[in-house]
Amino acid sequence: MKLRARINAMCKSCTYDPLDRGTCAQQIACCTVKSCPLHPVRPITTNEIPSELIRGWNIDPLELDEKVRGLVVPRLNYQVEPQNGALLGSETILIGGDNEK
């Protein structure tokens, strides 16, 4: 078995739950376990990922890789706070330099 096939099989056995929502590829792409040594090389789908899945899995979109965030539809809009560079969701309002929602 080739290395890519082994990585794919390991990610599937770790992440995929056939009883949960979303496809195997969507579940693996949305993995947020960054301490896993395979996380940077896990298979990532090229298909769109509905934002309802992200919400259903209780995943903060900022936990997703930039590449995966780009697959989420409808598109998630983020802005960078000029003072410290922290990513903010589009629903965040800046008032007087303080973050208030």
PDB file of N, CA and C in Angstrom:
ATOM      1  N   MET A   1       0.838  -1.170   0.000  1.00  0.00           N
ATOM      2  CA  MET A   1       0.000   0.000   0.000  1.00  0.00           C
ATOM      3  C   MET A   1       0.889   1.242   0.000  1.00  0.00           C
ATOM      4  N   LYS A   2       0.576   2.179  -0.885  1.00  0.00           N
ATOM      5  CA  LYS A   2       1.363   3.408  -0.996  1.00  0.00           C
ATOM      6  C   LYS A   2       1.091   4.336   0.180  1.00  0.00           C
ATOM      7  N   LEU A   3       2.018   5.261   0.394  1.00  0.00           N
ATOM      8  CA  LEU A   3       1.939   6.181   1.518  1.00  0.00           C
ATOM      9  C   LEU A   3       0.633   6.976   1.511  1.00  0.00           C
ATOM     10  N   ARG A   4       0.250   7.540   0.357  1.00  0.00           N
ATOM     11  CA  ARG A   4      -0.988   8.332   0.275  1.00  0.00           C
ATOM     12  C   ARG A   4      -2.183   7.491   0.685  1.00  0.00           C
ATOM     13  N   ALA A   5      -2.259   6.273   0.242  1.00  0.00           N
ATOM     14  CA  ALA A   5      -3.375   5.386   0.593  1.00  0.00           C
ATOM     15  C   ALA A   5      -3.379   5.092   2.086  1.00  0.00           C
ATOM     16  N   ARG A   6      -2.211   4.963   2.682  1.00  0.00           N
ATOM     17  CA  ARG A   6      -2.125   4.721   4.128  1.00  0.00           C
ATOM     18  C   ARG A   6      -2.584   5.939   4.924  1.00  0.00           C
ATOM     19  N   ILE A   7      -2.168   7.114   4.492  1.00  0.00           N
ATOM     20  CA  ILE A   7      -2.595   8.346   5.164  1.00  0.00           C
ATOM     21  C   ILE A   7      -4.110   8.489   5.065  1.00  0.00           C
ATOM     22  N   ASN A   8      -4.651   8.296   3.859  1.00  0.00           N
ATOM     23  CA  ASN A   8      -6.094   8.404   3.665  1.00  0.00           C
ATOM     24  C   ASN A   8      -6.839   7.416   4.557  1.00  0.00           C
ATOM     25  N   ALA A   9      -6.345   6.179   4.634  1.00  0.00           N
ATOM     26  CA  ALA A   9      -6.994   5.144   5.445  1.00  0.00           C
ATOM     27  C   ALA A   9      -6.926   5.505   6.929  1.00  0.00           C
ATOM     28  N   MET A  10      -5.803   6.040   7.376  1.00  0.00           N
ATOM     29  CA  MET A  10      -5.661   6.419   8.785  1.00  0.00           C
ATOM     30  C   MET A  10      -6.610   7.558   9.133  1.00  0.00           C
ATOM     31  N   CYS A  11      -6.668   8.571   8.284  1.00  0.00           N
ATOM     32  CA  CYS A  11      -7.573   9.699   8.527  1.00  0.00           C
ATOM     33  C   CYS A  11      -9.030   9.233   8.540  1.00  0.00           C
ATOM     34  N   LYS A  12      -9.372   8.340   7.636  1.00  0.00           N
ATOM     35  CA  LYS A  12     -10.741   7.823   7.593  1.00  0.00           C
ATOM     36  C   LYS A  12     -11.066   7.061   8.871  1.00  0.00           C
ATOM     37  N   SER A  13     -10.157   6.212   9.325  1.00  0.00           N
ATOM     38  CA  SER A  13     -10.434   5.425  10.523  1.00  0.00           C
ATOM     39  C   SER A  13     -10.508   6.307  11.770  1.00  0.00           C
ATOM     40  N   CYS A  14      -9.802   7.418  11.776  1.00  0.00           N
ATOM     41  CA  CYS A  14      -9.778   8.318  12.930  1.00  0.00           C
ATOM     42  C   CYS A  14     -10.976   9.268  12.934  1.00  0.00           C
ATOM     43  N   THR A  15     -11.342   9.790  11.771  1.00  0.00           N
ATOM     44  CA  THR A  15     -12.276  10.905  11.689  1.00  0.00           C
ATOM     45  C   THR A  15     -13.683  10.537  11.235  1.00  0.00           C
ATOM     46  N   TYR A  16     -13.801   9.620  10.300  1.00  0.00           N
ATOM     47  CA  TYR A  16     -15.092   9.388   9.652  1.00  0.00           C
ATOM     48  C   TYR A  16     -16.074   8.635  10.541  1.00  0.00           C
ATOM     49  N   ASP A  17     -17.256   9.197  10.665  1.00  0.00           N
ATOM     50  CA  ASP A  17     -18.366   8.550  11.367  1.00  0.00           C
ATOM     51  C   ASP A  17     -19.528   8.453  10.382  1.00  0.00           C
ATOM     52  N   PRO A  18     -19.829   7.244   9.891  1.00  0.00           N
ATOM     53  CA  PRO A  18     -20.894   7.103   8.892  1.00  0.00           C
ATOM     54  C   PRO A  18     -22.276   7.496   9.419  1.00  0.00           C
ATOM     55  N   LEU A  19     -22.437   7.571  10.733  1.00  0.00           N
ATOM     56  CA  LEU A  19     -23.724   7.952  11.305  1.00  0.00           C
ATOM     57  C   LEU A  19     -23.856   9.467  11.483  1.00  0.00           C
ATOM     58  N   ASP A  20     -22.755  10.190  11.276  1.00  0.00           N
ATOM     59  CA  ASP A  20     -22.782  11.651  11.403  1.00  0.00           C
ATOM     60  C   ASP A  20     -23.088  12.259  10.041  1.00  0.00           C
ATOM     61  N   ARG A  21     -23.388  13.528  10.040  1.00  0.00           N
ATOM     62  CA  ARG A  21     -23.693  14.230   8.781  1.00  0.00           C
ATOM     63  C   ARG A  21     -22.414  14.481   7.986  1.00  0.00           C
ATOM     64  N   GLY A  22     -22.576  14.655   6.700  1.00  0.00           N
ATOM     65  CA  GLY A  22     -21.446  14.940   5.825  1.00  0.00           C
ATOM     66  C   GLY A  22     -20.785  13.678   5.296  1.00  0.00           C
ATOM     67  N   THR A  23     -20.056  13.866   4.214  1.00  0.00           N
ATOM     68  CA  THR A  23     -19.349  12.743   3.598  1.00  0.00           C
ATOM     69  C   THR A  23     -18.044  12.490   4.334  1.00  0.00           C
ATOM     70  N   CYS A  24     -17.429  11.374   4.019  1.00  0.00           N
ATOM     71  CA  CYS A  24     -16.123  11.051   4.596  1.00  0.00           C
ATOM     72  C   CYS A  24     -15.121  12.161   4.258  1.00  0.00           C
ATOM     73  N   ALA A  25     -15.091  12.597   3.009  1.00  0.00           N
ATOM     74  CA  ALA A  25     -14.148  13.633   2.577  1.00  0.00           C
ATOM     75  C   ALA A  25     -14.390  14.948   3.312  1.00  0.00           C
ATOM     76  N   GLN A  26     -15.650  15.298   3.533  1.00  0.00           N
ATOM     77  CA  GLN A  26     -15.965  16.532   4.248  1.00  0.00           C
ATOM     78  C   GLN A  26     -15.533  16.441   5.708  1.00  0.00           C
ATOM     79  N   GLN A  27     -15.793  15.306   6.333  1.00  0.00           N
ATOM     80  CA  GLN A  27     -15.421  15.135   7.736  1.00  0.00           C
ATOM     81  C   GLN A  27     -13.902  15.195   7.915  1.00  0.00           C
ATOM     82  N   ILE A  28     -13.168  14.555   7.021  1.00  0.00           N
ATOM     83  CA  ILE A  28     -11.702  14.565   7.127  1.00  0.00           C
ATOM     84  C   ILE A  28     -11.153  15.970   6.868  1.00  0.00           C
ATOM     85  N   ALA A  29     -11.668  16.650   5.854  1.00  0.00           N
ATOM     86  CA  ALA A  29     -11.191  18.000   5.538  1.00  0.00           C
ATOM     87  C   ALA A  29     -11.402  18.953   6.715  1.00  0.00           C
ATOM     88  N   CYS A  30     -12.488  18.763   7.459  1.00  0.00           N
ATOM     89  CA  CYS A  30     -12.828  19.661   8.566  1.00  0.00           C
ATOM     90  C   CYS A  30     -12.224  19.224   9.894  1.00  0.00           C
ATOM     91  N   CYS A  31     -11.306  18.283   9.864  1.00  0.00           N
ATOM     92  CA  CYS A  31     -10.618  17.850  11.079  1.00  0.00           C
ATOM     93  C   CYS A  31      -9.857  19.031  11.667  1.00  0.00           C
ATOM     94  N   THR A  32      -9.980  19.225  12.979  1.00  0.00           N
ATOM     95  CA  THR A  32      -9.315  20.344  13.646  1.00  0.00           C
ATOM     96  C   THR A  32      -8.250  19.887  14.644  1.00  0.00           C
ATOM     97  N   VAL A  33      -7.855  18.624  14.576  1.00  0.00           N
ATOM     98  CA  VAL A  33      -6.850  18.085  15.511  1.00  0.00           C
ATOM     99  C   VAL A  33      -5.465  18.409  14.955  1.00  0.00           C
ATOM    100  N   LYS A  34      -5.020  19.622  15.210  1.00  0.00           N
ATOM    101  CA  LYS A  34      -3.754  20.092  14.644  1.00  0.00           C
ATOM    102  C   LYS A  34      -2.534  19.470  15.301  1.00  0.00           C
ATOM    103  N   SER A  35      -2.723  18.784  16.436  1.00  0.00           N
ATOM    104  CA  SER A  35      -1.600  18.099  17.084  1.00  0.00           C
ATOM    105  C   SER A  35      -1.283  16.769  16.396  1.00  0.00           C
ATOM    106  N   CYS A  36      -2.152  16.314  15.512  1.00  0.00           N
ATOM    107  CA  CYS A  36      -1.916  15.071  14.775  1.00  0.00           C
ATOM    108  C   CYS A  36      -0.812  15.293  13.739  1.00  0.00           C
ATOM    109  N   PRO A  37       0.174  14.399  13.678  1.00  0.00           N
ATOM    110  CA  PRO A  37       1.248  14.587  12.687  1.00  0.00           C
ATOM    111  C   PRO A  37       0.765  14.463  11.242  1.00  0.00           C
ATOM    112  N   LEU A  38      -0.400  13.855  11.023  1.00  0.00           N
ATOM    113  CA  LEU A  38      -0.932  13.725   9.661  1.00  0.00           C
ATOM    114  C   LEU A  38      -1.827  14.894   9.262  1.00  0.00           C
ATOM    115  N   HIS A  39      -2.136  15.772  10.191  1.00  0.00           N
ATOM    116  CA  HIS A  39      -3.052  16.879   9.891  1.00  0.00           C
ATOM    117  C   HIS A  39      -2.626  17.699   8.676  1.00  0.00           C
ATOM    118  N   PRO A  40      -1.366  18.083   8.551  1.00  0.00           N
ATOM    119  CA  PRO A  40      -0.981  18.890   7.382  1.00  0.00           C
ATOM    120  C   PRO A  40      -1.079  18.147   6.049  1.00  0.00           C
ATOM    121  N   VAL A  41      -1.074  16.819   6.076  1.00  0.00           N
ATOM    122  CA  VAL A  41      -1.100  16.055   4.824  1.00  0.00           C
ATOM    123  C   VAL A  41      -2.384  15.256   4.658  1.00  0.00           C
ATOM    124  N   ARG A  42      -3.400  15.535   5.510  1.00  0.00           N
ATOM    125  CA  ARG A  42      -4.662  14.805   5.391  1.00  0.00           C
ATOM    126  C   ARG A  42      -5.301  15.122   4.046  1.00  0.00           C
ATOM    127  N   PRO A  43      -6.114  14.219   3.543  1.00  0.00           N
ATOM    128  CA  PRO A  43      -6.780  14.502   2.266  1.00  0.00           C
ATOM    129  C   PRO A  43      -7.829  15.596   2.443  1.00  0.00           C
ATOM    130  N   ILE A  44      -7.829  16.542   1.527  1.00  0.00           N
ATOM    131  CA  ILE A  44      -8.802  17.639   1.575  1.00  0.00           C
ATOM    132  C   ILE A  44      -9.569  17.633   0.263  1.00  0.00           C
ATOM    133  N   THR A  45     -10.873  17.577   0.385  1.00  0.00           N
ATOM    134  CA  THR A  45     -11.736  17.566  -0.782  1.00  0.00           C
ATOM    135  C   THR A  45     -11.614  18.877  -1.562  1.00  0.00           C
ATOM    136  N   THR A  46     -11.992  18.849  -2.811  1.00  0.00           N
ATOM    137  CA  THR A  46     -12.052  20.079  -3.604  1.00  0.00           C
ATOM    138  C   THR A  46     -13.504  20.520  -3.763  1.00  0.00           C
ATOM    139  N   ASN A  47     -14.438  19.724  -3.224  1.00  0.00           N
ATOM    140  CA  ASN A  47     -15.859  20.060  -3.299  1.00  0.00           C
ATOM    141  C   ASN A  47     -16.230  21.054  -2.209  1.00  0.00           C
ATOM    142  N   GLU A  48     -17.304  21.778  -2.446  1.00  0.00           N
ATOM    143  CA  GLU A  48     -17.771  22.744  -1.468  1.00  0.00           C
ATOM    144  C   GLU A  48     -18.277  22.039  -0.211  1.00  0.00           C
ATOM    145  N   ILE A  49     -18.154  22.713   0.928  1.00  0.00           N
ATOM    146  CA  ILE A  49     -18.614  22.195   2.210  1.00  0.00           C
ATOM    147  C   ILE A  49     -19.686  23.150   2.724  1.00  0.00           C
ATOM    148  N   PRO A  50     -20.929  22.664   2.837  1.00  0.00           N
ATOM    149  CA  PRO A  50     -21.996  23.554   3.313  1.00  0.00           C
ATOM    150  C   PRO A  50     -21.724  24.058   4.732  1.00  0.00           C
ATOM    151  N   SER A  51     -21.961  25.337   4.964  1.00  0.00           N
ATOM    152  CA  SER A  51     -21.721  25.924   6.284  1.00  0.00           C
ATOM    153  C   SER A  51     -22.594  25.273   7.356  1.00  0.00           C
ATOM    154  N   GLU A  52     -23.729  24.671   6.959  1.00  0.00           N
ATOM    155  CA  GLU A  52     -24.587  23.979   7.921  1.00  0.00           C
ATOM    156  C   GLU A  52     -23.836  22.819   8.577  1.00  0.00           C
ATOM    157  N   LEU A  53     -22.938  22.173   7.820  1.00  0.00           N
ATOM    158  CA  LEU A  53     -22.153  21.075   8.397  1.00  0.00           C
ATOM    159  C   LEU A  53     -21.227  21.605   9.485  1.00  0.00           C
ATOM    160  N   ILE A  54     -20.560  22.717   9.201  1.00  0.00           N
ATOM    161  CA  ILE A  54     -19.632  23.310  10.165  1.00  0.00           C
ATOM    162  C   ILE A  54     -20.379  23.656  11.451  1.00  0.00           C
ATOM    163  N   ARG A  55     -21.552  24.282  11.284  1.00  0.00           N
ATOM    164  CA  ARG A  55     -22.354  24.631  12.461  1.00  0.00           C
ATOM    165  C   ARG A  55     -22.842  23.372  13.172  1.00  0.00           C
ATOM    166  N   GLY A  56     -23.251  22.360  12.423  1.00  0.00           N
ATOM    167  CA  GLY A  56     -23.738  21.110  13.011  1.00  0.00           C
ATOM    168  C   GLY A  56     -22.667  20.377  13.802  1.00  0.00           C
ATOM    169  N   TRP A  57     -21.430  20.522  13.395  1.00  0.00           N
ATOM    170  CA  TRP A  57     -20.309  19.886  14.104  1.00  0.00           C
ATOM    171  C   TRP A  57     -19.770  20.780  15.218  1.00  0.00           C
ATOM    172  N   ASN A  58     -20.363  21.949  15.403  1.00  0.00           N
ATOM    173  CA  ASN A  58     -19.920  22.919  16.414  1.00  0.00           C
ATOM    174  C   ASN A  58     -18.449  23.299  16.240  1.00  0.00           C
ATOM    175  N   ILE A  59     -18.061  23.505  14.994  1.00  0.00           N
ATOM    176  CA  ILE A  59     -16.692  23.917  14.693  1.00  0.00           C
ATOM    177  C   ILE A  59     -16.678  25.421  14.452  1.00  0.00           C
ATOM    178  N   ASP A  60     -15.763  26.094  15.116  1.00  0.00           N
ATOM    179  CA  ASP A  60     -15.545  27.507  14.854  1.00  0.00           C
ATOM    180  C   ASP A  60     -14.824  27.586  13.508  1.00  0.00           C
ATOM    181  N   PRO A  61     -15.373  28.285  12.521  1.00  0.00           N
ATOM    182  CA  PRO A  61     -14.732  28.350  11.212  1.00  0.00           C
ATOM    183  C   PRO A  61     -13.275  28.813  11.261  1.00  0.00           C
ATOM    184  N   LEU A  62     -12.901  29.578  12.288  1.00  0.00           N
ATOM    185  CA  LEU A  62     -11.520  30.032  12.401  1.00  0.00           C
ATOM    186  C   LEU A  62     -10.573  28.890  12.766  1.00  0.00           C
ATOM    187  N   GLU A  63     -11.112  27.756  13.219  1.00  0.00           N
ATOM    188  CA  GLU A  63     -10.286  26.591  13.514  1.00  0.00           C
ATOM    189  C   GLU A  63      -9.893  25.837  12.240  1.00  0.00           C
ATOM    190  N   LEU A  64     -10.601  26.101  11.158  1.00  0.00           N
ATOM    191  CA  LEU A  64     -10.325  25.413   9.896  1.00  0.00           C
ATOM    192  C   LEU A  64      -9.122  26.025   9.202  1.00  0.00           C
ATOM    193  N   ASP A  65      -8.426  25.191   8.433  1.00  0.00           N
ATOM    194  CA  ASP A  65      -7.336  25.695   7.594  1.00  0.00           C
ATOM    195  C   ASP A  65      -7.890  26.712   6.610  1.00  0.00           C
ATOM    196  N   GLU A  66      -7.033  27.600   6.154  1.00  0.00           N
ATOM    197  CA  GLU A  66      -7.456  28.608   5.176  1.00  0.00           C
ATOM    198  C   GLU A  66      -8.026  27.950   3.918  1.00  0.00           C
ATOM    199  N   LYS A  67      -7.397  26.860   3.470  1.00  0.00           N
ATOM    200  CA  LYS A  67      -7.867  26.170   2.263  1.00  0.00           C
ATOM    201  C   LYS A  67      -9.271  25.616   2.465  1.00  0.00           C
ATOM    202  N   VAL A  68      -9.528  25.025   3.635  1.00  0.00           N
ATOM    203  CA  VAL A  68     -10.846  24.454   3.910  1.00  0.00           C
ATOM    204  C   VAL A  68     -11.877  25.560   4.094  1.00  0.00           C
ATOM    205  N   ARG A  69     -11.505  26.654   4.767  1.00  0.00           N
ATOM    206  CA  ARG A  69     -12.437  27.789   4.914  1.00  0.00           C
ATOM    207  C   ARG A  69     -12.901  28.287   3.559  1.00  0.00           C
ATOM    208  N   GLY A  70     -12.026  28.222   2.574  1.00  0.00           N
ATOM    209  CA  GLY A  70     -12.388  28.657   1.227  1.00  0.00           C
ATOM    210  C   GLY A  70     -13.386  27.751   0.534  1.00  0.00           C
ATOM    211  N   LEU A  71     -13.567  26.534   1.051  1.00  0.00           N
ATOM    212  CA  LEU A  71     -14.522  25.588   0.471  1.00  0.00           C
ATOM    213  C   LEU A  71     -15.911  25.706   1.086  1.00  0.00           C
ATOM    214  N   VAL A  72     -16.001  26.405   2.217  1.00  0.00           N
ATOM    215  CA  VAL A  72     -17.275  26.512   2.926  1.00  0.00           C
ATOM    216  C   VAL A  72     -18.192  27.472   2.181  1.00  0.00           C
ATOM    217  N   VAL A  73     -19.440  27.022   1.938  1.00  0.00           N
ATOM    218  CA  VAL A  73     -20.442  27.854   1.264  1.00  0.00           C
ATOM    219  C   VAL A  73     -21.678  27.974   2.137  1.00  0.00           C
ATOM    220  N   PRO A  74     -22.350  29.088   2.210  1.00  0.00           N
ATOM    221  CA  PRO A  74     -21.901  30.312   1.563  1.00  0.00           C
ATOM    222  C   PRO A  74     -20.570  30.777   2.139  1.00  0.00           C
ATOM    223  N   ARG A  75     -19.846  31.535   1.357  1.00  0.00           N
ATOM    224  CA  ARG A  75     -18.504  31.981   1.733  1.00  0.00           C
ATOM    225  C   ARG A  75     -18.526  32.700   3.070  1.00  0.00           C
ATOM    226  N   LEU A  76     -17.512  32.436   3.870  1.00  0.00           N
ATOM    227  CA  LEU A  76     -17.364  33.104   5.162  1.00  0.00           C
ATOM    228  C   LEU A  76     -16.494  34.333   4.955  1.00  0.00           C
ATOM    229  N   ASN A  77     -16.944  35.465   5.439  1.00  0.00           N
ATOM    230  CA  ASN A  77     -16.184  36.704   5.313  1.00  0.00           C
ATOM    231  C   ASN A  77     -15.514  37.024   6.637  1.00  0.00           C
ATOM    232  N   TYR A  78     -14.229  37.293   6.586  1.00  0.00           N
ATOM    233  CA  TYR A  78     -13.472  37.626   7.783  1.00  0.00           C
ATOM    234  C   TYR A  78     -12.712  38.909   7.533  1.00  0.00           C
ATOM    235  N   GLN A  79     -12.474  39.629   8.600  1.00  0.00           N
ATOM    236  CA  GLN A  79     -11.669  40.837   8.520  1.00  0.00           C
ATOM    237  C   GLN A  79     -10.549  40.733   9.536  1.00  0.00           C
ATOM    238  N   VAL A  80      -9.505  41.468   9.308  1.00  0.00           N
ATOM    239  CA  VAL A  80      -8.387  41.491  10.243  1.00  0.00           C
ATOM    240  C   VAL A  80      -8.475  42.753  11.067  1.00  0.00           C
ATOM    241  N   GLU A  81      -8.438  42.585  12.389  1.00  0.00           N
ATOM    242  CA  GLU A  81      -8.447  43.739  13.282  1.00  0.00           C
ATOM    243  C   GLU A  81      -7.091  44.422  13.163  1.00  0.00           C
ATOM    244  N   PRO A  82      -7.026  45.704  12.846  1.00  0.00           N
ATOM    245  CA  PRO A  82      -5.754  46.362  12.588  1.00  0.00           C
ATOM    246  C   PRO A  82      -4.815  46.399  13.783  1.00  0.00           C
ATOM    247  N   GLN A  83      -5.313  46.369  15.007  1.00  0.00           N
ATOM    248  CA  GLN A  83      -4.458  46.538  16.166  1.00  0.00           C
ATOM    249  C   GLN A  83      -3.606  45.310  16.473  1.00  0.00           C
ATOM    250  N   ASN A  84      -4.179  44.104  16.326  1.00  0.00           N
ATOM    251  CA  ASN A  84      -3.387  42.931  16.679  1.00  0.00           C
ATOM    252  C   ASN A  84      -3.413  41.822  15.631  1.00  0.00           C
ATOM    253  N   GLY A  85      -4.090  42.030  14.524  1.00  0.00           N
ATOM    254  CA  GLY A  85      -4.101  41.052  13.450  1.00  0.00           C
ATOM    255  C   GLY A  85      -4.965  39.838  13.699  1.00  0.00           C
ATOM    256  N   ALA A  86      -5.762  39.827  14.753  1.00  0.00           N
ATOM    257  CA  ALA A  86      -6.610  38.676  15.031  1.00  0.00           C
ATOM    258  C   ALA A  86      -7.737  38.598  14.010  1.00  0.00           C
ATOM    259  N   LEU A  87      -8.064  37.384  13.566  1.00  0.00           N
ATOM    260  CA  LEU A  87      -9.155  37.213  12.629  1.00  0.00           C
ATOM    261  C   LEU A  87     -10.477  37.352  13.362  1.00  0.00           C
ATOM    262  N   LEU A  88     -11.401  38.061  12.741  1.00  0.00           N
ATOM    263  CA  LEU A  88     -12.718  38.258  13.311  1.00  0.00           C
ATOM    264  C   LEU A  88     -13.760  37.800  12.313  1.00  0.00           C
ATOM    265  N   GLY A  89     -14.840  37.237  12.792  1.00  0.00           N
ATOM    266  CA  GLY A  89     -15.945  36.879  11.918  1.00  0.00           C
ATOM    267  C   GLY A  89     -16.643  38.119  11.423  1.00  0.00           C
ATOM    268  N   SER A  90     -17.375  37.995  10.336  1.00  0.00           N
ATOM    269  CA  SER A  90     -18.041  39.153   9.760  1.00  0.00           C
ATOM    270  C   SER A  90     -19.141  39.692  10.670  1.00  0.00           C
ATOM    271  N   GLU A  91     -19.590  38.885  11.652  1.00  0.00           N
ATOM    272  CA  GLU A  91     -20.622  39.352  12.554  1.00  0.00           C
ATOM    273  C   GLU A  91     -20.059  40.194  13.699  1.00  0.00           C
ATOM    274  N   THR A  92     -18.752  40.311  13.799  1.00  0.00           N
ATOM    275  CA  THR A  92     -18.117  41.079  14.869  1.00  0.00           C
ATOM    276  C   THR A  92     -18.116  42.555  14.517  1.00  0.00           C
ATOM    277  N   ILE A  93     -18.461  43.365  15.504  1.00  0.00           N
ATOM    278  CA  ILE A  93     -18.494  44.809  15.315  1.00  0.00           C
ATOM    279  C   ILE A  93     -17.410  45.410  16.203  1.00  0.00           C
ATOM    280  N   LEU A  94     -16.613  46.293  15.638  1.00  0.00           N
ATOM    281  CA  LEU A  94     -15.585  46.979  16.433  1.00  0.00           C
ATOM    282  C   LEU A  94     -16.132  48.325  16.862  1.00  0.00           C
ATOM    283  N   ILE A  95     -16.173  48.531  18.190  1.00  0.00           N
ATOM    284  CA  ILE A  95     -16.665  49.793  18.737  1.00  0.00           C
ATOM    285  C   ILE A  95     -15.581  50.365  19.633  1.00  0.00           C
ATOM    286  N   GLY A  96     -15.071  51.493  19.285  1.00  0.00           N
ATOM    287  CA  GLY A  96     -14.074  52.156  20.111  1.00  0.00           C
ATOM    288  C   GLY A  96     -12.834  51.321  20.368  1.00  0.00           C
ATOM    289  N   GLY A  97     -12.463  50.450  19.412  1.00  0.00           N
ATOM    290  CA  GLY A  97     -11.267  49.635  19.575  1.00  0.00           C
ATOM    291  C   GLY A  97     -11.502  48.369  20.386  1.00  0.00           C
ATOM    292  N   ASP A  98     -12.647  48.233  21.037  1.00  0.00           N
ATOM    293  CA  ASP A  98     -12.962  47.018  21.796  1.00  0.00           C
ATOM    294  C   ASP A  98     -13.838  46.109  20.950  1.00  0.00           C
ATOM    295  N   ASN A  99     -13.660  44.813  21.082  1.00  0.00           N
ATOM    296  CA  ASN A  99     -14.488  43.852  20.352  1.00  0.00           C
ATOM    297  C   ASN A  99     -15.783  43.633  21.130  1.00  0.00           C
ATOM    298  N   GLU A 100     -16.897  43.945  20.528  1.00  0.00           N
ATOM    299  CA  GLU A 100     -18.196  43.672  21.139  1.00  0.00           C
ATOM    300  C   GLU A 100     -19.062  43.022  20.097  1.00  0.00           C
ATOM    301  N   LYS A 101     -19.822  42.023  20.532  1.00  0.00           N
ATOM    302  CA  LYS A 101     -20.704  41.309  19.602  1.00  0.00           C
ATOM    303  C   LYS A 101     -22.138  41.658  19.907  1.00  0.00           C
TER     304      LYS A 101
END
